[in-house]
């Protein structure tokens, strides 16, 4: 004999199955919509092909430069130009730190907060920075010896590194962000007879921009 209660559970089971199928279809539609939108945005940015910002050193001055024991002291003033080479895309650039190196040794420390720059398409701006000596780093013996020889010759090559983050924007499209390293290599600085003040020999120096 069939119990009456067995019939009462069948409509509930059928409704649960219908709800599950509806939920599964809804999730599938939402995921498909998300994938399509993401693909459209990706293709749009591929078509736009946003270019990385251009960096160029306008001036680089070293003052109060002395070498004592295993420490190198000096003040570093740098001015560089940032350009937006894109004709359709704007971008924001955030510079986290500006570092002056001699070979493998970091000579400066940047006590300033990160810098935020907004550049519209085909626009440019200039940035100045004053960097204090980094006295907490040990200077390698080989670097000190080479530095002394170069200083005697009146010319020293410095490197400047700047980790940056660039956010590209185009109209109402979702933005994309890229991490980059700006590398200004072999900035040739000539020193006066006093050996305390040095200036960039070349008028301008282009920097290499490496993108992740």
C-alpha atoms as a PDB file:
ATOM      1  CA  UNK A   1       0.000   0.000   0.000  1.00  0.00           C
ATOM      2  CA  UNK A   2       1.361   3.444  -0.990  1.00  0.00           C
ATOM      3  CA  UNK A   3       1.498   6.030   1.735  1.00  0.00           C
ATOM      4  CA  UNK A   4      -0.332   9.328   1.020  1.00  0.00           C
ATOM      5  CA  UNK A   5       2.726  11.238   2.180  1.00  0.00           C
ATOM      6  CA  UNK A   6       4.766   9.881  -0.740  1.00  0.00           C
ATOM      7  CA  UNK A   7       2.669  11.845  -3.267  1.00  0.00           C
ATOM      8  CA  UNK A   8       2.947  15.097  -1.321  1.00  0.00           C
ATOM      9  CA  UNK A   9       6.747  15.254  -1.780  1.00  0.00           C
ATOM     10  CA  UNK A  10       6.759  14.953  -5.584  1.00  0.00           C
ATOM     11  CA  UNK A  11       5.674  18.558  -6.428  1.00  0.00           C
ATOM     12  CA  UNK A  12       8.321  19.927  -4.065  1.00  0.00           C
ATOM     13  CA  UNK A  13      11.061  17.843  -5.729  1.00  0.00           C
ATOM     14  CA  UNK A  14       9.951  18.994  -9.171  1.00  0.00           C
ATOM     15  CA  UNK A  15       9.983  22.649  -8.105  1.00  0.00           C
ATOM     16  CA  UNK A  16      13.485  22.296  -6.597  1.00  0.00           C
ATOM     17  CA  UNK A  17      14.734  20.806  -9.854  1.00  0.00           C
ATOM     18  CA  UNK A  18      13.239  23.660 -11.869  1.00  0.00           C
ATOM     19  CA  UNK A  19      14.775  26.251  -9.543  1.00  0.00           C
ATOM     20  CA  UNK A  20      18.175  24.557  -9.827  1.00  0.00           C
ATOM     21  CA  UNK A  21      18.015  24.514 -13.634  1.00  0.00           C
ATOM     22  CA  UNK A  22      17.001  28.180 -13.702  1.00  0.00           C
ATOM     23  CA  UNK A  23      19.868  29.121 -11.374  1.00  0.00           C
ATOM     24  CA  UNK A  24      22.347  27.147 -13.460  1.00  0.00           C
ATOM     25  CA  UNK A  25      21.202  28.868 -16.659  1.00  0.00           C
ATOM     26  CA  UNK A  26      21.387  32.285 -14.985  1.00  0.00           C
ATOM     27  CA  UNK A  27      24.951  31.657 -13.814  1.00  0.00           C
ATOM     28  CA  UNK A  28      25.901  30.483 -17.307  1.00  0.00           C
ATOM     29  CA  UNK A  29      24.396  33.614 -18.893  1.00  0.00           C
ATOM     30  CA  UNK A  30      26.157  35.909 -16.433  1.00  0.00           C
ATOM     31  CA  UNK A  31      29.506  34.172 -16.933  1.00  0.00           C
ATOM     32  CA  UNK A  32      29.112  34.306 -20.697  1.00  0.00           C
ATOM     33  CA  UNK A  33      28.246  37.990 -20.530  1.00  0.00           C
ATOM     34  CA  UNK A  34      31.304  38.661 -18.380  1.00  0.00           C
ATOM     35  CA  UNK A  35      33.605  36.730 -20.735  1.00  0.00           C
ATOM     36  CA  UNK A  36      32.223  38.571 -23.791  1.00  0.00           C
ATOM     37  CA  UNK A  37      32.635  41.999 -22.175  1.00  0.00           C
ATOM     38  CA  UNK A  38      36.182  41.157 -21.047  1.00  0.00           C
ATOM     39  CA  UNK A  39      37.047  39.935 -24.546  1.00  0.00           C
ATOM     40  CA  UNK A  40      35.650  43.087 -26.157  1.00  0.00           C
ATOM     41  CA  UNK A  41      37.659  45.312 -23.791  1.00  0.00           C
ATOM     42  CA  UNK A  42      40.807  43.281 -24.407  1.00  0.00           C
ATOM     43  CA  UNK A  43      40.415  43.522 -28.191  1.00  0.00           C
ATOM     44  CA  UNK A  44      39.705  47.269 -27.948  1.00  0.00           C
ATOM     45  CA  UNK A  45      42.968  47.867 -26.040  1.00  0.00           C
ATOM     46  CA  UNK A  46      44.821  45.698 -28.553  1.00  0.00           C
ATOM     47  CA  UNK A  47      43.532  47.941 -31.327  1.00  0.00           C
ATOM     48  CA  UNK A  48      44.460  51.113 -29.423  1.00  0.00           C
ATOM     49  CA  UNK A  49      47.958  49.781 -28.650  1.00  0.00           C
ATOM     50  CA  UNK A  50      48.801  52.274 -25.862  1.00  0.00           C
ATOM     51  CA  UNK A  51      52.459  53.302 -25.836  1.00  0.00           C
ATOM     52  CA  UNK A  52      54.511  53.588 -22.663  1.00  0.00           C
ATOM     53  CA  UNK A  53      55.467  57.086 -21.471  1.00  0.00           C
ATOM     54  CA  UNK A  54      58.726  58.580 -22.708  1.00  0.00           C
ATOM     55  CA  UNK A  55      61.270  59.788 -20.127  1.00  0.00           C
ATOM     56  CA  UNK A  56      64.147  62.118 -20.915  1.00  0.00           C
ATOM     57  CA  UNK A  57      66.726  63.597 -18.521  1.00  0.00           C
ATOM     58  CA  UNK A  58      66.965  67.364 -19.069  1.00  0.00           C
ATOM     59  CA  UNK A  59      69.563  68.127 -16.396  1.00  0.00           C
ATOM     60  CA  UNK A  60      71.458  66.242 -13.720  1.00  0.00           C
ATOM     61  CA  UNK A  61      73.631  68.067 -11.186  1.00  0.00           C
ATOM     62  CA  UNK A  62      75.782  66.648  -8.389  1.00  0.00           C
ATOM     63  CA  UNK A  63      76.898  68.974  -5.606  1.00  0.00           C
ATOM     64  CA  UNK A  64      78.994  68.620  -2.437  1.00  0.00           C
ATOM     65  CA  UNK A  65      80.348  65.362  -3.820  1.00  0.00           C
ATOM     66  CA  UNK A  66      82.933  63.724  -1.573  1.00  0.00           C
ATOM     67  CA  UNK A  67      84.325  60.236  -1.083  1.00  0.00           C
ATOM     68  CA  UNK A  68      85.359  59.380   2.478  1.00  0.00           C
ATOM     69  CA  UNK A  69      86.231  55.910   3.690  1.00  0.00           C
ATOM     70  CA  UNK A  70      83.482  53.587   2.449  1.00  0.00           C
ATOM     71  CA  UNK A  71      80.919  56.381   2.087  1.00  0.00           C
ATOM     72  CA  UNK A  72      80.012  58.585  -0.829  1.00  0.00           C
ATOM     73  CA  UNK A  73      78.323  61.857   0.015  1.00  0.00           C
ATOM     74  CA  UNK A  74      76.551  64.189  -2.348  1.00  0.00           C
ATOM     75  CA  UNK A  75      73.340  65.925  -3.309  1.00  0.00           C
ATOM     76  CA  UNK A  76      71.674  65.031  -6.588  1.00  0.00           C
ATOM     77  CA  UNK A  77      69.330  67.343  -8.495  1.00  0.00           C
ATOM     78  CA  UNK A  78      67.576  65.906 -11.501  1.00  0.00           C
ATOM     79  CA  UNK A  79      65.026  67.288 -13.939  1.00  0.00           C
ATOM     80  CA  UNK A  80      63.356  65.117 -16.526  1.00  0.00           C
ATOM     81  CA  UNK A  81      60.564  65.378 -19.064  1.00  0.00           C
ATOM     82  CA  UNK A  82      57.692  62.880 -19.260  1.00  0.00           C
ATOM     83  CA  UNK A  83      55.838  62.639 -22.571  1.00  0.00           C
ATOM     84  CA  UNK A  84      52.645  60.924 -23.625  1.00  0.00           C
ATOM     85  CA  UNK A  85      53.305  59.601 -27.153  1.00  0.00           C
ATOM     86  CA  UNK A  86      49.705  58.399 -27.589  1.00  0.00           C
ATOM     87  CA  UNK A  87      47.340  60.324 -29.863  1.00  0.00           C
ATOM     88  CA  UNK A  88      44.147  58.808 -28.422  1.00  0.00           C
ATOM     89  CA  UNK A  89      44.988  57.617 -24.911  1.00  0.00           C
ATOM     90  CA  UNK A  90      45.520  59.598 -21.688  1.00  0.00           C
ATOM     91  CA  UNK A  91      47.409  58.199 -18.736  1.00  0.00           C
ATOM     92  CA  UNK A  92      48.310  58.683 -15.092  1.00  0.00           C
ATOM     93  CA  UNK A  93      51.904  58.042 -14.038  1.00  0.00           C
ATOM     94  CA  UNK A  94      52.883  57.365 -10.430  1.00  0.00           C
ATOM     95  CA  UNK A  95      56.603  57.564  -9.652  1.00  0.00           C
ATOM     96  CA  UNK A  96      57.362  55.663  -6.450  1.00  0.00           C
ATOM     97  CA  UNK A  97      61.068  56.340  -6.016  1.00  0.00           C
ATOM     98  CA  UNK A  98      63.965  57.983  -7.854  1.00  0.00           C
ATOM     99  CA  UNK A  99      67.323  56.314  -7.307  1.00  0.00           C
ATOM    100  CA  UNK A 100      70.826  57.379  -8.270  1.00  0.00           C
ATOM    101  CA  UNK A 101      73.300  54.522  -8.639  1.00  0.00           C
ATOM    102  CA  UNK A 102      76.973  54.185  -9.351  1.00  0.00           C
ATOM    103  CA  UNK A 103      77.347  50.712 -10.807  1.00  0.00           C
ATOM    104  CA  UNK A 104      75.771  48.371  -8.219  1.00  0.00           C
ATOM    105  CA  UNK A 105      75.801  50.907  -5.373  1.00  0.00           C
ATOM    106  CA  UNK A 106      72.800  53.075  -4.600  1.00  0.00           C
ATOM    107  CA  UNK A 107      73.946  56.596  -3.765  1.00  0.00           C
ATOM    108  CA  UNK A 108      70.706  58.426  -3.024  1.00  0.00           C
ATOM    109  CA  UNK A 109      67.540  58.142  -1.041  1.00  0.00           C
ATOM    110  CA  UNK A 110      64.249  59.813  -1.878  1.00  0.00           C
ATOM    111  CA  UNK A 111      62.402  61.051   1.191  1.00  0.00           C
ATOM    112  CA  UNK A 112      59.554  62.517  -0.860  1.00  0.00           C
ATOM    113  CA  UNK A 113      56.179  60.863  -1.318  1.00  0.00           C
ATOM    114  CA  UNK A 114      55.308  59.242  -4.635  1.00  0.00           C
ATOM    115  CA  UNK A 115      54.535  61.646  -7.463  1.00  0.00           C
ATOM    116  CA  UNK A 116      51.324  61.546  -9.489  1.00  0.00           C
ATOM    117  CA  UNK A 117      51.274  62.920 -13.027  1.00  0.00           C
ATOM    118  CA  UNK A 118      48.341  63.130 -15.430  1.00  0.00           C
ATOM    119  CA  UNK A 119      49.175  63.502 -19.090  1.00  0.00           C
ATOM    120  CA  UNK A 120      46.592  63.968 -21.792  1.00  0.00           C
ATOM    121  CA  UNK A 121      47.282  62.569 -25.244  1.00  0.00           C
ATOM    122  CA  UNK A 122      50.336  64.043 -27.016  1.00  0.00           C
ATOM    123  CA  UNK A 123      51.200  66.141 -23.957  1.00  0.00           C
ATOM    124  CA  UNK A 124      54.287  66.438 -21.741  1.00  0.00           C
ATOM    125  CA  UNK A 125      55.431  67.791 -18.388  1.00  0.00           C
ATOM    126  CA  UNK A 126      58.664  68.383 -16.460  1.00  0.00           C
ATOM    127  CA  UNK A 127      59.541  66.962 -13.057  1.00  0.00           C
ATOM    128  CA  UNK A 128      62.267  68.088 -10.648  1.00  0.00           C
ATOM    129  CA  UNK A 129      63.648  66.107  -7.739  1.00  0.00           C
ATOM    130  CA  UNK A 130      66.274  66.718  -5.053  1.00  0.00           C
ATOM    131  CA  UNK A 131      67.829  63.535  -3.718  1.00  0.00           C
ATOM    132  CA  UNK A 132      69.851  63.221  -0.525  1.00  0.00           C
ATOM    133  CA  UNK A 133      72.790  60.828  -0.087  1.00  0.00           C
ATOM    134  CA  UNK A 134      72.073  57.317   1.107  1.00  0.00           C
ATOM    135  CA  UNK A 135      74.630  56.847   3.891  1.00  0.00           C
ATOM    136  CA  UNK A 136      73.269  53.549   5.186  1.00  0.00           C
ATOM    137  CA  UNK A 137      74.506  51.490   2.231  1.00  0.00           C
ATOM    138  CA  UNK A 138      77.912  49.879   2.208  1.00  0.00           C
ATOM    139  CA  UNK A 139      79.927  50.849  -0.880  1.00  0.00           C
ATOM    140  CA  UNK A 140      81.785  47.961  -2.477  1.00  0.00           C
ATOM    141  CA  UNK A 141      85.572  48.229  -2.572  1.00  0.00           C
ATOM    142  CA  UNK A 142      85.749  47.787  -6.359  1.00  0.00           C
ATOM    143  CA  UNK A 143      83.130  50.488  -6.885  1.00  0.00           C
ATOM    144  CA  UNK A 144      85.077  52.876  -4.641  1.00  0.00           C
ATOM    145  CA  UNK A 145      88.315  52.249  -6.509  1.00  0.00           C
ATOM    146  CA  UNK A 146      86.664  52.766  -9.909  1.00  0.00           C
ATOM    147  CA  UNK A 147      84.876  55.862  -8.659  1.00  0.00           C
ATOM    148  CA  UNK A 148      88.154  57.368  -7.445  1.00  0.00           C
ATOM    149  CA  UNK A 149      89.767  56.747 -10.819  1.00  0.00           C
ATOM    150  CA  UNK A 150      86.824  58.267 -12.701  1.00  0.00           C
ATOM    151  CA  UNK A 151      86.745  61.270 -10.391  1.00  0.00           C
ATOM    152  CA  UNK A 152      90.426  61.879 -11.061  1.00  0.00           C
ATOM    153  CA  UNK A 153      89.597  61.915 -14.772  1.00  0.00           C
ATOM    154  CA  UNK A 154      86.833  64.453 -14.173  1.00  0.00           C
ATOM    155  CA  UNK A 155      83.933  62.348 -15.550  1.00  0.00           C
ATOM    156  CA  UNK A 156      81.650  59.899 -13.700  1.00  0.00           C
ATOM    157  CA  UNK A 157      78.786  57.880 -15.189  1.00  0.00           C
ATOM    158  CA  UNK A 158      75.695  57.582 -12.983  1.00  0.00           C
ATOM    159  CA  UNK A 159      72.517  55.563 -13.451  1.00  0.00           C
ATOM    160  CA  UNK A 160      69.012  56.717 -12.498  1.00  0.00           C
ATOM    161  CA  UNK A 161      66.192  54.233 -11.884  1.00  0.00           C
ATOM    162  CA  UNK A 162      62.516  54.999 -11.312  1.00  0.00           C
ATOM    163  CA  UNK A 163      59.863  52.337 -10.641  1.00  0.00           C
ATOM    164  CA  UNK A 164      56.589  53.703 -12.026  1.00  0.00           C
ATOM    165  CA  UNK A 165      53.000  52.620 -12.452  1.00  0.00           C
ATOM    166  CA  UNK A 166      51.070  53.810 -15.515  1.00  0.00           C
ATOM    167  CA  UNK A 167      47.273  53.730 -15.799  1.00  0.00           C
ATOM    168  CA  UNK A 168      45.926  54.180 -19.330  1.00  0.00           C
ATOM    169  CA  UNK A 169      42.452  55.613 -19.952  1.00  0.00           C
ATOM    170  CA  UNK A 170      40.334  56.046 -23.071  1.00  0.00           C
ATOM    171  CA  UNK A 171      36.890  57.628 -22.793  1.00  0.00           C
ATOM    172  CA  UNK A 172      34.572  55.526 -20.640  1.00  0.00           C
ATOM    173  CA  UNK A 173      36.456  52.288 -21.261  1.00  0.00           C
ATOM    174  CA  UNK A 174      37.773  50.442 -18.187  1.00  0.00           C
ATOM    175  CA  UNK A 175      41.353  51.460 -17.475  1.00  0.00           C
ATOM    176  CA  UNK A 176      44.418  49.248 -17.657  1.00  0.00           C
ATOM    177  CA  UNK A 177      47.486  49.501 -15.443  1.00  0.00           C
ATOM    178  CA  UNK A 178      51.094  48.524 -16.086  1.00  0.00           C
ATOM    179  CA  UNK A 179      54.154  48.464 -13.822  1.00  0.00           C
ATOM    180  CA  UNK A 180      57.342  49.783 -15.405  1.00  0.00           C
ATOM    181  CA  UNK A 181      60.972  50.505 -14.638  1.00  0.00           C
ATOM    182  CA  UNK A 182      62.512  53.662 -16.072  1.00  0.00           C
ATOM    183  CA  UNK A 183      66.246  53.211 -16.531  1.00  0.00           C
ATOM    184  CA  UNK A 184      68.462  56.191 -17.417  1.00  0.00           C
ATOM    185  CA  UNK A 185      71.851  54.613 -17.997  1.00  0.00           C
ATOM    186  CA  UNK A 186      75.339  56.111 -18.173  1.00  0.00           C
ATOM    187  CA  UNK A 187      74.557  59.742 -17.406  1.00  0.00           C
ATOM    188  CA  UNK A 188      77.980  61.294 -18.012  1.00  0.00           C
ATOM    189  CA  UNK A 189      78.686  63.986 -15.430  1.00  0.00           C
ATOM    190  CA  UNK A 190      81.738  66.206 -15.667  1.00  0.00           C
ATOM    191  CA  UNK A 191      83.194  67.667 -12.477  1.00  0.00           C
ATOM    192  CA  UNK A 192      84.869  71.016 -11.972  1.00  0.00           C
ATOM    193  CA  UNK A 193      88.411  71.378 -10.735  1.00  0.00           C
ATOM    194  CA  UNK A 194      87.156  71.391  -7.149  1.00  0.00           C
ATOM    195  CA  UNK A 195      85.615  67.917  -7.708  1.00  0.00           C
ATOM    196  CA  UNK A 196      82.623  69.002  -5.642  1.00  0.00           C
ATOM    197  CA  UNK A 197      80.160  69.998  -8.386  1.00  0.00           C
ATOM    198  CA  UNK A 198      79.308  68.023 -11.501  1.00  0.00           C
ATOM    199  CA  UNK A 199      76.894  68.592 -14.384  1.00  0.00           C
ATOM    200  CA  UNK A 200      75.500  66.468 -17.174  1.00  0.00           C
ATOM    201  CA  UNK A 201      77.749  66.638 -20.243  1.00  0.00           C
ATOM    202  CA  UNK A 202      75.102  65.891 -22.839  1.00  0.00           C
ATOM    203  CA  UNK A 203      72.182  68.263 -23.084  1.00  0.00           C
ATOM    204  CA  UNK A 204      69.507  65.567 -22.942  1.00  0.00           C
ATOM    205  CA  UNK A 205      69.499  61.836 -22.329  1.00  0.00           C
ATOM    206  CA  UNK A 206      66.717  59.411 -23.269  1.00  0.00           C
ATOM    207  CA  UNK A 207      65.739  56.741 -20.775  1.00  0.00           C
ATOM    208  CA  UNK A 208      64.769  53.139 -21.353  1.00  0.00           C
ATOM    209  CA  UNK A 209      61.286  52.131 -20.190  1.00  0.00           C
ATOM    210  CA  UNK A 210      60.894  48.446 -19.306  1.00  0.00           C
ATOM    211  CA  UNK A 211      57.344  47.155 -18.915  1.00  0.00           C
ATOM    212  CA  UNK A 212      56.313  44.025 -16.983  1.00  0.00           C
END
